[in-house]
Amino acid sequence: LRSHKLQASDVPLMCRSIARCGAGTNNCNVPLMTELGVPVFNTPGANANAVKELALCGLFLASRGVMEGATRMEELHQTGE
């Protein structure tokens, strides 16, 4: 569940729990799900490491000219040099 506004009719009878990938549970009717015995929980900050890794990767790629080097190697490969 991300940003979809969850309706009671969206929840199958076999549902054991509802997880919100991110902060907050405002797009789910928590009191109703509690009545139905379906726990609702969220995972704030779960993707923080991935975001940090992508940001650092982008900085390294930009600062070291990695993409330019890769493009140059591809050009050399295509010309047979």
C-alpha atoms as a PDB file:
ATOM      1  CA  LEU A   1       0.000   0.000   0.000  1.00  0.00           C
ATOM      2  CA  ARG A   2       1.490   3.342  -1.015  1.00  0.00           C
ATOM      3  CA  SER A   3      -0.762   6.312  -1.718  1.00  0.00           C
ATOM      4  CA  HIS A   4      -3.894   4.441  -2.829  1.00  0.00           C
ATOM      5  CA  LYS A   5      -6.946   5.375  -0.749  1.00  0.00           C
ATOM      6  CA  LEU A   6      -7.869   1.941   0.597  1.00  0.00           C
ATOM      7  CA  GLN A   7     -11.568   1.110   0.802  1.00  0.00           C
ATOM      8  CA  ALA A   8     -13.026  -1.712   2.888  1.00  0.00           C
ATOM      9  CA  SER A   9     -14.153  -3.417  -0.328  1.00  0.00           C
ATOM     10  CA  ASP A  10     -10.486  -3.519  -1.483  1.00  0.00           C
ATOM     11  CA  VAL A  11      -9.520  -5.763   1.429  1.00  0.00           C
ATOM     12  CA  PRO A  12      -9.995  -9.478   0.707  1.00  0.00           C
ATOM     13  CA  LEU A  13     -11.384 -11.704   3.457  1.00  0.00           C
ATOM     14  CA  MET A  14      -8.067 -13.597   3.595  1.00  0.00           C
ATOM     15  CA  CYS A  15      -6.076 -10.414   4.376  1.00  0.00           C
ATOM     16  CA  ARG A  16      -3.874 -10.865   7.462  1.00  0.00           C
ATOM     17  CA  SER A  17      -2.330  -7.385   7.697  1.00  0.00           C
ATOM     18  CA  ILE A  18      -1.892  -4.097   5.841  1.00  0.00           C
ATOM     19  CA  ALA A  19       1.538  -2.500   5.573  1.00  0.00           C
ATOM     20  CA  ARG A  20       2.078   1.103   4.531  1.00  0.00           C
ATOM     21  CA  CYS A  21       5.480   1.549   2.882  1.00  0.00           C
ATOM     22  CA  GLY A  22       6.292   4.967   4.291  1.00  0.00           C
ATOM     23  CA  ALA A  23       5.068   7.214   7.068  1.00  0.00           C
ATOM     24  CA  GLY A  24       1.450   7.508   8.153  1.00  0.00           C
ATOM     25  CA  THR A  25      -1.675   5.427   7.737  1.00  0.00           C
ATOM     26  CA  ASN A  26      -4.105   8.192   6.759  1.00  0.00           C
ATOM     27  CA  ASN A  27      -5.079   6.444   3.513  1.00  0.00           C
ATOM     28  CA  CYS A  28      -6.514   3.467   5.393  1.00  0.00           C
ATOM     29  CA  ASN A  29      -9.502   3.267   7.734  1.00  0.00           C
ATOM     30  CA  VAL A  30      -7.563   1.978  10.749  1.00  0.00           C
ATOM     31  CA  PRO A  31     -10.567   1.724  13.154  1.00  0.00           C
ATOM     32  CA  LEU A  32     -12.511  -0.359  10.620  1.00  0.00           C
ATOM     33  CA  MET A  33      -9.519  -2.607   9.900  1.00  0.00           C
ATOM     34  CA  THR A  34      -9.040  -3.052  13.666  1.00  0.00           C
ATOM     35  CA  GLU A  35     -12.689  -4.138  13.980  1.00  0.00           C
ATOM     36  CA  LEU A  36     -12.092  -6.648  11.179  1.00  0.00           C
ATOM     37  CA  GLY A  37      -9.013  -7.953  13.018  1.00  0.00           C
ATOM     38  CA  VAL A  38      -6.586  -6.710  10.361  1.00  0.00           C
ATOM     39  CA  PRO A  39      -3.536  -4.962  11.864  1.00  0.00           C
ATOM     40  CA  VAL A  40      -2.335  -1.848  10.050  1.00  0.00           C
ATOM     41  CA  PHE A  41       1.264  -0.702  10.343  1.00  0.00           C
ATOM     42  CA  ASN A  42       3.746   1.521   8.544  1.00  0.00           C
ATOM     43  CA  THR A  43       7.483   1.489   7.819  1.00  0.00           C
ATOM     44  CA  PRO A  44       8.744   5.086   8.079  1.00  0.00           C
ATOM     45  CA  GLY A  45      12.307   5.504   6.867  1.00  0.00           C
ATOM     46  CA  ALA A  46      12.514   1.975   5.447  1.00  0.00           C
ATOM     47  CA  ASN A  47      14.010   3.213   2.189  1.00  0.00           C
ATOM     48  CA  ALA A  48      16.395   5.746   3.776  1.00  0.00           C
ATOM     49  CA  ASN A  49      19.496   3.623   3.072  1.00  0.00           C
ATOM     50  CA  ALA A  50      18.569   3.191  -0.588  1.00  0.00           C
ATOM     51  CA  VAL A  51      18.031   6.946  -0.992  1.00  0.00           C
ATOM     52  CA  LYS A  52      21.375   7.655   0.666  1.00  0.00           C
ATOM     53  CA  GLU A  53      23.171   5.135  -1.574  1.00  0.00           C
ATOM     54  CA  LEU A  54      21.630   6.585  -4.743  1.00  0.00           C
ATOM     55  CA  ALA A  55      22.568  10.127  -3.714  1.00  0.00           C
ATOM     56  CA  LEU A  56      26.180   9.137  -3.021  1.00  0.00           C
ATOM     57  CA  CYS A  57      26.364   7.153  -6.259  1.00  0.00           C
ATOM     58  CA  GLY A  58      25.173  10.188  -8.218  1.00  0.00           C
ATOM     59  CA  LEU A  59      27.759  12.388  -6.523  1.00  0.00           C
ATOM     60  CA  PHE A  60      30.571   9.932  -7.287  1.00  0.00           C
ATOM     61  CA  LEU A  61      29.455   9.511 -10.902  1.00  0.00           C
ATOM     62  CA  ALA A  62      29.369  13.270 -11.414  1.00  0.00           C
ATOM     63  CA  SER A  63      32.603  14.101  -9.590  1.00  0.00           C
ATOM     64  CA  ARG A  64      34.797  11.432 -11.191  1.00  0.00           C
ATOM     65  CA  GLY A  65      33.587  11.647 -14.786  1.00  0.00           C
ATOM     66  CA  VAL A  66      32.520   8.002 -14.767  1.00  0.00           C
ATOM     67  CA  MET A  67      29.758   8.434 -17.327  1.00  0.00           C
ATOM     68  CA  GLU A  68      32.037  10.338 -19.705  1.00  0.00           C
ATOM     69  CA  GLY A  69      34.625   7.571 -19.411  1.00  0.00           C
ATOM     70  CA  ALA A  70      32.022   4.882 -20.052  1.00  0.00           C
ATOM     71  CA  THR A  71      30.763   6.770 -23.111  1.00  0.00           C
ATOM     72  CA  ARG A  72      34.315   7.131 -24.444  1.00  0.00           C
ATOM     73  CA  MET A  73      34.999   3.409 -23.960  1.00  0.00           C
ATOM     74  CA  GLU A  74      31.787   2.552 -25.820  1.00  0.00           C
ATOM     75  CA  GLU A  75      32.851   4.838 -28.696  1.00  0.00           C
ATOM     76  CA  LEU A  76      36.274   3.163 -28.841  1.00  0.00           C
ATOM     77  CA  HIS A  77      34.654  -0.264 -28.814  1.00  0.00           C
ATOM     78  CA  GLN A  78      32.330   0.638 -31.697  1.00  0.00           C
ATOM     79  CA  THR A  79      35.194   1.968 -33.843  1.00  0.00           C
ATOM     80  CA  GLY A  80      37.381  -1.044 -33.070  1.00  0.00           C
ATOM     81  CA  GLU A  81      40.197   0.940 -31.450  1.00  0.00           C
END
